[in-house]
Structures are given as C-alpha cells and as structure tokens.
PDB file of all heavy atoms in Angstrom:
ATOM      1  N   SER A   1      20.167 -13.090  -2.712  1.00  0.00           N
ATOM      2  CA  SER A   1      20.512 -11.907  -3.270  1.00  0.00           C
ATOM      3  C   SER A   1      21.523 -11.125  -2.468  1.00  0.00           C
ATOM      4  O   SER A   1      22.599 -10.660  -3.057  1.00  0.00           O
ATOM      5  CB  SER A   1      19.258 -11.040  -3.418  1.00  0.00           C
ATOM      6  OG  SER A   1      19.566  -9.742  -3.763  1.00  0.00           O
ATOM      7  N   ALA A   2      21.351 -11.111  -1.132  1.00  0.00           N
ATOM      8  CA  ALA A   2      22.276 -10.418  -0.268  1.00  0.00           C
ATOM      9  C   ALA A   2      23.625 -11.212  -0.257  1.00  0.00           C
ATOM     10  O   ALA A   2      24.694 -10.622  -0.289  1.00  0.00           O
ATOM     11  CB  ALA A   2      21.674 -10.265   1.139  1.00  0.00           C
ATOM     12  N   GLU A   3      23.529 -12.525  -0.219  1.00  0.00           N
ATOM     13  CA  GLU A   3      24.758 -13.328  -0.157  1.00  0.00           C
ATOM     14  C   GLU A   3      25.618 -13.135  -1.402  1.00  0.00           C
ATOM     15  O   GLU A   3      26.871 -13.019  -1.361  1.00  0.00           O
ATOM     16  CB  GLU A   3      24.411 -14.763   0.030  1.00  0.00           C
ATOM     17  CG  GLU A   3      25.578 -15.792   0.012  1.00  0.00           C
ATOM     18  CD  GLU A   3      25.140 -17.218  -0.195  1.00  0.00           C
ATOM     19  OE1 GLU A   3      23.935 -17.556   0.323  1.00  0.00           O
ATOM     20  OE2 GLU A   3      25.836 -18.049  -0.753  1.00  0.00           O
ATOM     21  N   LEU A   4      24.937 -13.131  -2.687  1.00  0.00           N
ATOM     22  CA  LEU A   4      25.748 -13.093  -3.854  1.00  0.00           C
ATOM     23  C   LEU A   4      25.981 -11.644  -4.291  1.00  0.00           C
ATOM     24  O   LEU A   4      26.829 -11.469  -5.251  1.00  0.00           O
ATOM     25  CB  LEU A   4      24.932 -13.824  -5.017  1.00  0.00           C
ATOM     26  CG  LEU A   4      24.525 -15.291  -4.828  1.00  0.00           C
ATOM     27  CD1 LEU A   4      23.777 -15.816  -5.940  1.00  0.00           C
ATOM     28  CD2 LEU A   4      25.845 -16.046  -4.658  1.00  0.00           C
ATOM     29  N   GLY A   5      25.353 -10.627  -3.705  1.00  0.00           N
ATOM     30  CA  GLY A   5      25.564  -9.313  -4.059  1.00  0.00           C
ATOM     31  C   GLY A   5      24.838  -9.009  -5.427  1.00  0.00           C
ATOM     32  O   GLY A   5      25.398  -8.256  -6.214  1.00  0.00           O
ATOM     33  N   VAL A   6      23.650  -9.716  -5.698  1.00  0.00           N
ATOM     34  CA  VAL A   6      22.965  -9.534  -6.865  1.00  0.00           C
ATOM     35  C   VAL A   6      21.627  -8.942  -6.583  1.00  0.00           C
ATOM     36  O   VAL A   6      20.814  -9.451  -5.747  1.00  0.00           O
ATOM     37  CB  VAL A   6      22.755 -10.890  -7.609  1.00  0.00           C
ATOM     38  CG1 VAL A   6      21.856 -10.722  -8.916  1.00  0.00           C
ATOM     39  CG2 VAL A   6      24.043 -11.564  -7.989  1.00  0.00           C
ATOM     40  N   ALA A   7      21.304  -7.795  -7.139  1.00  0.00           N
ATOM     41  CA  ALA A   7      19.946  -7.154  -7.009  1.00  0.00           C
ATOM     42  C   ALA A   7      18.996  -7.850  -7.915  1.00  0.00           C
ATOM     43  O   ALA A   7      19.405  -8.464  -8.887  1.00  0.00           O
ATOM     44  CB  ALA A   7      20.037  -5.684  -7.289  1.00  0.00           C
ATOM     45  N   PHE A   8      17.694  -7.722  -7.667  1.00  0.00           N
ATOM     46  CA  PHE A   8      16.664  -8.316  -8.447  1.00  0.00           C
ATOM     47  C   PHE A   8      15.441  -7.550  -8.469  1.00  0.00           C
ATOM     48  O   PHE A   8      15.068  -6.860  -7.590  1.00  0.00           O
ATOM     49  CB  PHE A   8      16.495  -9.826  -8.091  1.00  0.00           C
ATOM     50  CG  PHE A   8      15.799  -9.990  -6.646  1.00  0.00           C
ATOM     51  CD1 PHE A   8      14.359 -10.148  -6.693  1.00  0.00           C
ATOM     52  CD2 PHE A   8      16.525 -10.073  -5.528  1.00  0.00           C
ATOM     53  CE1 PHE A   8      13.742 -10.299  -5.448  1.00  0.00           C
ATOM     54  CE2 PHE A   8      15.818 -10.275  -4.313  1.00  0.00           C
ATOM     55  CZ  PHE A   8      14.443 -10.375  -4.296  1.00  0.00           C
ATOM     56  N   HIS A   9      14.722  -7.852  -9.639  1.00  0.00           N
ATOM     57  CA  HIS A   9      13.352  -7.388  -9.841  1.00  0.00           C
ATOM     58  C   HIS A   9      12.432  -8.527  -9.832  1.00  0.00           C
ATOM     59  O   HIS A   9      12.723  -9.594 -10.407  1.00  0.00           O
ATOM     60  CB  HIS A   9      13.270  -6.659 -11.200  1.00  0.00           C
ATOM     61  CG  HIS A   9      11.916  -6.525 -11.820  1.00  0.00           C
ATOM     62  ND1 HIS A   9      11.148  -7.618 -12.326  1.00  0.00           N
ATOM     63  CD2 HIS A   9      11.110  -5.403 -12.043  1.00  0.00           C
ATOM     64  CE1 HIS A   9      10.025  -7.217 -12.810  1.00  0.00           C
ATOM     65  NE2 HIS A   9       9.934  -5.855 -12.662  1.00  0.00           N
ATOM     66  N   LEU A  10      11.249  -8.459  -9.091  1.00  0.00           N
ATOM     67  CA  LEU A  10      10.311  -9.527  -8.922  1.00  0.00           C
ATOM     68  C   LEU A  10       8.807  -8.957  -8.983  1.00  0.00           C
ATOM     69  O   LEU A  10       8.572  -8.025  -8.404  1.00  0.00           O
ATOM     70  CB  LEU A  10      10.547 -10.184  -7.485  1.00  0.00           C
ATOM     71  CG  LEU A  10       9.585 -11.241  -7.239  1.00  0.00           C
ATOM     72  CD1 LEU A  10       9.817 -12.501  -7.932  1.00  0.00           C
ATOM     73  CD2 LEU A  10       9.606 -11.540  -5.671  1.00  0.00           C
ATOM     74  N   GLY A  11       8.094  -9.777  -9.782  1.00  0.00           N
ATOM     75  CA  GLY A  11       6.711  -9.386  -9.990  1.00  0.00           C
ATOM     76  C   GLY A  11       5.846 -10.360  -9.105  1.00  0.00           C
ATOM     77  O   GLY A  11       6.122 -11.568  -9.080  1.00  0.00           O
ATOM     78  N   TYR A  12       4.844  -9.798  -8.535  1.00  0.00           N
ATOM     79  CA  TYR A  12       3.857 -10.710  -7.671  1.00  0.00           C
ATOM     80  C   TYR A  12       2.540 -10.003  -7.460  1.00  0.00           C
ATOM     81  O   TYR A  12       2.426  -8.783  -7.727  1.00  0.00           O
ATOM     82  CB  TYR A  12       4.529 -10.968  -6.349  1.00  0.00           C
ATOM     83  CG  TYR A  12       4.769  -9.815  -5.406  1.00  0.00           C
ATOM     84  CD1 TYR A  12       3.850  -9.458  -4.416  1.00  0.00           C
ATOM     85  CD2 TYR A  12       5.842  -8.951  -5.554  1.00  0.00           C
ATOM     86  CE1 TYR A  12       3.983  -8.382  -3.589  1.00  0.00           C
ATOM     87  CE2 TYR A  12       6.022  -7.856  -4.743  1.00  0.00           C
ATOM     88  CZ  TYR A  12       5.138  -7.528  -3.789  1.00  0.00           C
ATOM     89  OH  TYR A  12       5.334  -6.523  -2.966  1.00  0.00           O
ATOM     90  N   ALA A  13       1.564 -10.686  -6.958  1.00  0.00           N
ATOM     91  CA  ALA A  13       0.282 -10.152  -6.657  1.00  0.00           C
ATOM     92  C   ALA A  13       0.297  -9.708  -5.214  1.00  0.00           C
ATOM     93  O   ALA A  13       0.567 -10.533  -4.303  1.00  0.00           O
ATOM     94  CB  ALA A  13      -0.799 -11.191  -6.905  1.00  0.00           C
ATOM     95  N   GLU A  14      -0.024  -8.440  -4.912  1.00  0.00           N
ATOM     96  CA  GLU A  14       0.073  -7.844  -3.668  1.00  0.00           C
ATOM     97  C   GLU A  14      -1.284  -7.562  -3.081  1.00  0.00           C
ATOM     98  O   GLU A  14      -2.135  -6.928  -3.747  1.00  0.00           O
ATOM     99  CB  GLU A  14       0.825  -6.529  -3.810  1.00  0.00           C
ATOM    100  CG  GLU A  14       1.006  -5.755  -2.440  1.00  0.00           C
ATOM    101  CD  GLU A  14       1.493  -4.315  -2.607  1.00  0.00           C
ATOM    102  OE1 GLU A  14       1.473  -3.852  -3.885  1.00  0.00           O
ATOM    103  OE2 GLU A  14       1.821  -3.702  -1.670  1.00  0.00           O
ATOM    104  N   ARG A  15      -1.482  -8.025  -1.825  1.00  0.00           N
ATOM    105  CA  ARG A  15      -2.679  -7.525  -1.057  1.00  0.00           C
ATOM    106  C   ARG A  15      -2.092  -6.668   0.092  1.00  0.00           C
ATOM    107  O   ARG A  15      -1.379  -7.104   0.877  1.00  0.00           O
ATOM    108  CB  ARG A  15      -3.440  -8.559  -0.544  1.00  0.00           C
ATOM    109  CG  ARG A  15      -4.776  -8.146   0.227  1.00  0.00           C
ATOM    110  CD  ARG A  15      -5.770  -9.269   0.444  1.00  0.00           C
ATOM    111  NE  ARG A  15      -5.292 -10.259   1.492  1.00  0.00           N
ATOM    112  CZ  ARG A  15      -5.367 -10.101   2.741  1.00  0.00           C
ATOM    113  NH1 ARG A  15      -5.912  -9.078   3.306  1.00  0.00           N
ATOM    114  NH2 ARG A  15      -4.961 -11.134   3.564  1.00  0.00           N
ATOM    115  N   THR A  16      -2.588  -5.414   0.163  1.00  0.00           N
ATOM    116  CA  THR A  16      -2.080  -4.500   1.210  1.00  0.00           C
ATOM    117  C   THR A  16      -2.732  -4.699   2.493  1.00  0.00           C
ATOM    118  O   THR A  16      -3.788  -5.419   2.584  1.00  0.00           O
ATOM    119  CB  THR A  16      -2.296  -3.015   0.799  1.00  0.00           C
ATOM    120  OG1 THR A  16      -3.711  -2.734   0.937  1.00  0.00           O
ATOM    121  CG2 THR A  16      -1.883  -2.773  -0.646  1.00  0.00           C
ATOM    122  N   PRO A  17      -2.269  -4.172   3.632  1.00  0.00           N
ATOM    123  CA  PRO A  17      -2.899  -4.324   4.932  1.00  0.00           C
ATOM    124  C   PRO A  17      -4.332  -3.752   4.927  1.00  0.00           C
ATOM    125  O   PRO A  17      -5.098  -4.217   5.728  1.00  0.00           O
ATOM    126  CB  PRO A  17      -1.990  -3.573   5.865  1.00  0.00           C
ATOM    127  CG  PRO A  17      -0.636  -3.529   5.193  1.00  0.00           C
ATOM    128  CD  PRO A  17      -0.896  -3.556   3.709  1.00  0.00           C
ATOM    129  N   GLU A  18      -4.559  -2.820   4.006  1.00  0.00           N
ATOM    130  CA  GLU A  18      -5.960  -2.292   3.882  1.00  0.00           C
ATOM    131  C   GLU A  18      -6.886  -3.056   3.044  1.00  0.00           C
ATOM    132  O   GLU A  18      -8.053  -2.696   2.800  1.00  0.00           O
ATOM    133  CB  GLU A  18      -5.884  -0.888   3.359  1.00  0.00           C
ATOM    134  CG  GLU A  18      -5.072   0.167   4.186  1.00  0.00           C
ATOM    135  CD  GLU A  18      -3.527  -0.049   3.861  1.00  0.00           C
ATOM    136  OE1 GLU A  18      -3.093  -0.392   2.890  1.00  0.00           O
ATOM    137  OE2 GLU A  18      -2.838   0.176   4.991  1.00  0.00           O
ATOM    138  N   GLY A  19      -6.349  -4.140   2.501  1.00  0.00           N
ATOM    139  CA  GLY A  19      -7.201  -5.072   1.689  1.00  0.00           C
ATOM    140  C   GLY A  19      -7.269  -4.704   0.176  1.00  0.00           C
ATOM    141  O   GLY A  19      -8.093  -5.203  -0.553  1.00  0.00           O
ATOM    142  N   ARG A  20      -6.331  -3.830  -0.298  1.00  0.00           N
ATOM    143  CA  ARG A  20      -6.309  -3.427  -1.631  1.00  0.00           C
ATOM    144  C   ARG A  20      -5.401  -4.524  -2.440  1.00  0.00           C
ATOM    145  O   ARG A  20      -4.603  -5.083  -1.936  1.00  0.00           O
ATOM    146  CB  ARG A  20      -5.731  -2.103  -1.858  1.00  0.00           C
ATOM    147  CG  ARG A  20      -6.560  -0.985  -1.107  1.00  0.00           C
ATOM    148  CD  ARG A  20      -5.999   0.418  -1.231  1.00  0.00           C
ATOM    149  NE  ARG A  20      -6.215   0.880  -2.686  1.00  0.00           N
ATOM    150  CZ  ARG A  20      -5.610   2.015  -3.114  1.00  0.00           C
ATOM    151  NH1 ARG A  20      -4.858   2.702  -2.418  1.00  0.00           N
ATOM    152  NH2 ARG A  20      -5.945   2.379  -4.412  1.00  0.00           N
ATOM    153  N   HIS A  21      -5.695  -4.596  -3.767  1.00  0.00           N
ATOM    154  CA  HIS A  21      -4.994  -5.664  -4.601  1.00  0.00           C
ATOM    155  C   HIS A  21      -4.379  -5.040  -5.757  1.00  0.00           C
ATOM    156  O   HIS A  21      -4.995  -4.339  -6.549  1.00  0.00           O
ATOM    157  CB  HIS A  21      -6.047  -6.689  -5.025  1.00  0.00           C
ATOM    158  CG  HIS A  21      -6.698  -7.430  -3.838  1.00  0.00           C
ATOM    159  ND1 HIS A  21      -7.732  -6.941  -3.137  1.00  0.00           N
ATOM    160  CD2 HIS A  21      -6.475  -8.657  -3.423  1.00  0.00           C
ATOM    161  CE1 HIS A  21      -8.077  -7.829  -2.216  1.00  0.00           C
ATOM    162  NE2 HIS A  21      -7.337  -8.882  -2.258  1.00  0.00           N
ATOM    163  N   PHE A  22      -3.085  -5.359  -5.899  1.00  0.00           N
ATOM    164  CA  PHE A  22      -2.292  -4.721  -7.066  1.00  0.00           C
ATOM    165  C   PHE A  22      -1.411  -5.866  -7.693  1.00  0.00           C
ATOM    166  O   PHE A  22      -1.024  -6.740  -7.081  1.00  0.00           O
ATOM    167  CB  PHE A  22      -1.460  -3.674  -6.529  1.00  0.00           C
ATOM    168  CG  PHE A  22      -2.057  -2.483  -5.951  1.00  0.00           C
ATOM    169  CD1 PHE A  22      -2.206  -2.288  -4.588  1.00  0.00           C
ATOM    170  CD2 PHE A  22      -2.684  -1.418  -6.683  1.00  0.00           C
ATOM    171  CE1 PHE A  22      -2.842  -1.216  -4.023  1.00  0.00           C
ATOM    172  CE2 PHE A  22      -3.343  -0.352  -6.219  1.00  0.00           C
ATOM    173  CZ  PHE A  22      -3.492  -0.297  -4.846  1.00  0.00           C
ATOM    174  N   ASN A  23      -1.195  -5.608  -9.034  1.00  0.00           N
ATOM    175  CA  ASN A  23      -0.158  -6.329  -9.758  1.00  0.00           C
ATOM    176  C   ASN A  23       1.047  -5.543  -9.605  1.00  0.00           C
ATOM    177  O   ASN A  23       1.213  -4.481 -10.121  1.00  0.00           O
ATOM    178  CB  ASN A  23      -0.617  -6.445 -11.252  1.00  0.00           C
ATOM    179  CG  ASN A  23       0.287  -7.347 -11.978  1.00  0.00           C
ATOM    180  OD1 ASN A  23       1.440  -7.715 -11.685  1.00  0.00           O
ATOM    181  ND2 ASN A  23      -0.149  -7.962 -13.115  1.00  0.00           N
ATOM    182  N   THR A  24       2.047  -6.077  -8.818  1.00  0.00           N
ATOM    183  CA  THR A  24       3.135  -5.270  -8.344  1.00  0.00           C
ATOM    184  C   THR A  24       4.504  -5.857  -8.638  1.00  0.00           C
ATOM    185  O   THR A  24       4.644  -7.019  -9.014  1.00  0.00           O
ATOM    186  CB  THR A  24       3.041  -5.296  -6.779  1.00  0.00           C
ATOM    187  OG1 THR A  24       1.863  -4.576  -6.348  1.00  0.00           O
ATOM    188  CG2 THR A  24       4.201  -4.595  -6.016  1.00  0.00           C
ATOM    189  N   ALA A  25       5.484  -4.936  -8.722  1.00  0.00           N
ATOM    190  CA  ALA A  25       6.933  -5.305  -8.947  1.00  0.00           C
ATOM    191  C   ALA A  25       7.752  -4.558  -7.929  1.00  0.00           C
ATOM    192  O   ALA A  25       7.517  -3.385  -7.660  1.00  0.00           O
ATOM    193  CB  ALA A  25       7.384  -4.949 -10.411  1.00  0.00           C
ATOM    194  N   ILE A  26       8.782  -5.201  -7.460  1.00  0.00           N
ATOM    195  CA  ILE A  26       9.655  -4.643  -6.521  1.00  0.00           C
ATOM    196  C   ILE A  26      11.101  -4.784  -7.023  1.00  0.00           C
ATOM    197  O   ILE A  26      11.380  -5.687  -7.867  1.00  0.00           O
ATOM    198  CB  ILE A  26       9.637  -5.188  -5.102  1.00  0.00           C
ATOM    199  CG1 ILE A  26       9.749  -6.717  -5.144  1.00  0.00           C
ATOM    200  CG2 ILE A  26       8.390  -4.739  -4.377  1.00  0.00           C
ATOM    201  CD1 ILE A  26       9.872  -7.409  -3.842  1.00  0.00           C
ATOM    202  N   PHE A  27      11.997  -3.926  -6.605  1.00  0.00           N
ATOM    203  CA  PHE A  27      13.461  -4.033  -6.858  1.00  0.00           C
ATOM    204  C   PHE A  27      14.160  -4.108  -5.599  1.00  0.00           C
ATOM    205  O   PHE A  27      13.976  -3.290  -4.662  1.00  0.00           O
ATOM    206  CB  PHE A  27      13.991  -2.836  -7.685  1.00  0.00           C
ATOM    207  CG  PHE A  27      15.414  -2.863  -8.030  1.00  0.00           C
ATOM    208  CD1 PHE A  27      15.835  -3.805  -9.104  1.00  0.00           C
ATOM    209  CD2 PHE A  27      16.428  -2.249  -7.313  1.00  0.00           C
ATOM    210  CE1 PHE A  27      17.182  -3.874  -9.410  1.00  0.00           C
ATOM    211  CE2 PHE A  27      17.739  -2.349  -7.682  1.00  0.00           C
ATOM    212  CZ  PHE A  27      18.120  -3.197  -8.648  1.00  0.00           C
ATOM    213  N   VAL A  28      14.949  -5.226  -5.385  1.00  0.00           N
ATOM    214  CA  VAL A  28      15.594  -5.533  -4.172  1.00  0.00           C
ATOM    215  C   VAL A  28      17.084  -5.347  -4.363  1.00  0.00           C
ATOM    216  O   VAL A  28      17.537  -6.078  -5.241  1.00  0.00           O
ATOM    217  CB  VAL A  28      15.135  -6.913  -3.689  1.00  0.00           C
ATOM    218  CG1 VAL A  28      15.896  -7.353  -2.395  1.00  0.00           C
ATOM    219  CG2 VAL A  28      13.653  -6.988  -3.524  1.00  0.00           C
ATOM    220  N   GLU A  29      17.789  -4.682  -3.495  1.00  0.00           N
ATOM    221  CA  GLU A  29      19.253  -4.512  -3.507  1.00  0.00           C
ATOM    222  C   GLU A  29      19.688  -4.666  -2.114  1.00  0.00           C
ATOM    223  O   GLU A  29      19.213  -4.091  -1.111  1.00  0.00           O
ATOM    224  CB  GLU A  29      19.633  -3.127  -4.125  1.00  0.00           C
ATOM    225  CG  GLU A  29      21.131  -2.982  -4.272  1.00  0.00           C
ATOM    226  CD  GLU A  29      21.460  -1.728  -4.976  1.00  0.00           C
ATOM    227  OE1 GLU A  29      20.626  -0.813  -5.147  1.00  0.00           O
ATOM    228  OE2 GLU A  29      22.659  -1.512  -5.311  1.00  0.00           O
ATOM    229  N   ALA A  30      20.697  -5.523  -1.904  1.00  0.00           N
ATOM    230  CA  ALA A  30      21.354  -5.799  -0.612  1.00  0.00           C
ATOM    231  C   ALA A  30      20.301  -6.292   0.397  1.00  0.00           C
ATOM    232  O   ALA A  30      20.299  -5.908   1.557  1.00  0.00           O
ATOM    233  CB  ALA A  30      22.040  -4.532  -0.096  1.00  0.00           C
ATOM    234  N   GLY A  31      19.390  -7.088  -0.091  1.00  0.00           N
ATOM    235  CA  GLY A  31      18.301  -7.611   0.759  1.00  0.00           C
ATOM    236  C   GLY A  31      17.292  -6.624   1.198  1.00  0.00           C
ATOM    237  O   GLY A  31      16.308  -7.057   1.971  1.00  0.00           O
ATOM    238  N   ARG A  32      17.143  -5.503   0.547  1.00  0.00           N
ATOM    239  CA  ARG A  32      16.243  -4.438   0.921  1.00  0.00           C
ATOM    240  C   ARG A  32      15.422  -4.003  -0.369  1.00  0.00           C
ATOM    241  O   ARG A  32      15.971  -3.866  -1.368  1.00  0.00           O
ATOM    242  CB  ARG A  32      16.950  -3.342   1.543  1.00  0.00           C
ATOM    243  CG  ARG A  32      16.140  -2.268   2.128  1.00  0.00           C
ATOM    244  CD  ARG A  32      16.915  -1.175   2.950  1.00  0.00           C
ATOM    245  NE  ARG A  32      17.925  -0.599   2.120  1.00  0.00           N
ATOM    246  CZ  ARG A  32      17.624   0.606   1.531  1.00  0.00           C
ATOM    247  NH1 ARG A  32      16.523   1.189   1.620  1.00  0.00           N
ATOM    248  NH2 ARG A  32      18.675   1.132   0.712  1.00  0.00           N
ATOM    249  N   ILE A  33      14.134  -3.787  -0.135  1.00  0.00           N
ATOM    250  CA  ILE A  33      13.253  -3.253  -1.206  1.00  0.00           C
ATOM    251  C   ILE A  33      13.604  -1.736  -1.323  1.00  0.00           C
ATOM    252  O   ILE A  33      13.397  -0.981  -0.374  1.00  0.00           O
ATOM    253  CB  ILE A  33      11.793  -3.450  -0.962  1.00  0.00           C
ATOM    254  CG1 ILE A  33      11.515  -4.980  -0.847  1.00  0.00           C
ATOM    255  CG2 ILE A  33      10.938  -2.819  -1.942  1.00  0.00           C
ATOM    256  CD1 ILE A  33      10.129  -5.290  -0.379  1.00  0.00           C
ATOM    257  N   VAL A  34      14.118  -1.405  -2.418  1.00  0.00           N
ATOM    258  CA  VAL A  34      14.452   0.072  -2.677  1.00  0.00           C
ATOM    259  C   VAL A  34      13.504   0.657  -3.825  1.00  0.00           C
ATOM    260  O   VAL A  34      13.662   1.924  -4.081  1.00  0.00           O
ATOM    261  CB  VAL A  34      15.941   0.199  -3.037  1.00  0.00           C
ATOM    262  CG1 VAL A  34      16.820  -0.344  -1.914  1.00  0.00           C
ATOM    263  CG2 VAL A  34      16.275  -0.626  -4.445  1.00  0.00           C
ATOM    264  N   GLY A  35      12.801  -0.174  -4.592  1.00  0.00           N
ATOM    265  CA  GLY A  35      11.898   0.446  -5.568  1.00  0.00           C
ATOM    266  C   GLY A  35      10.642  -0.496  -5.632  1.00  0.00           C
ATOM    267  O   GLY A  35      10.719  -1.680  -5.486  1.00  0.00           O
ATOM    268  N   LYS A  36       9.526   0.208  -6.003  1.00  0.00           N
ATOM    269  CA  LYS A  36       8.220  -0.526  -6.069  1.00  0.00           C
ATOM    270  C   LYS A  36       7.353   0.131  -7.107  1.00  0.00           C
ATOM    271  O   LYS A  36       7.316   1.399  -7.212  1.00  0.00           O
ATOM    272  CB  LYS A  36       7.513  -0.497  -4.701  1.00  0.00           C
ATOM    273  CG  LYS A  36       6.257  -1.361  -4.655  1.00  0.00           C
ATOM    274  CD  LYS A  36       5.721  -1.405  -3.161  1.00  0.00           C
ATOM    275  CE  LYS A  36       4.767  -2.545  -2.964  1.00  0.00           C
ATOM    276  NZ  LYS A  36       4.313  -2.556  -1.590  1.00  0.00           N
ATOM    277  N   TYR A  37       6.568  -0.797  -7.912  1.00  0.00           N
ATOM    278  CA  TYR A  37       5.837  -0.193  -8.908  1.00  0.00           C
ATOM    279  C   TYR A  37       4.538  -1.102  -8.888  1.00  0.00           C
ATOM    280  O   TYR A  37       4.544  -2.342  -8.668  1.00  0.00           O
ATOM    281  CB  TYR A  37       6.403  -0.317 -10.332  1.00  0.00           C
ATOM    282  CG  TYR A  37       5.454   0.007 -11.478  1.00  0.00           C
ATOM    283  CD1 TYR A  37       5.024   1.295 -11.637  1.00  0.00           C
ATOM    284  CD2 TYR A  37       4.923  -0.982 -12.254  1.00  0.00           C
ATOM    285  CE1 TYR A  37       4.089   1.504 -12.656  1.00  0.00           C
ATOM    286  CE2 TYR A  37       4.029  -0.800 -13.192  1.00  0.00           C
ATOM    287  CZ  TYR A  37       3.632   0.479 -13.356  1.00  0.00           C
ATOM    288  OH  TYR A  37       2.743   0.711 -14.462  1.00  0.00           O
TER     289      TYR A  37
END
C-alpha cells in the first residue's frame, strides 16, 4: 500500500490487549491506520 500509494479498507476479527473481541474494519493510508470501526 505504501509502495503503490494506494490506501485500503480491510475487515478482520480483532482481539484487543484486554481480551475483547470485535468484528473490525480499518482504513490504511501511507502505511498507517487512520480510521477504525
């Protein structure tokens, strides 16, 4: 993504450091997460 200059949205199953579980999506721009749902 960073190499091509293409941002992306990705969905995945997230387990937090506290042990919570979410169905999550992130938006990544320039290799960095800038949005989360």
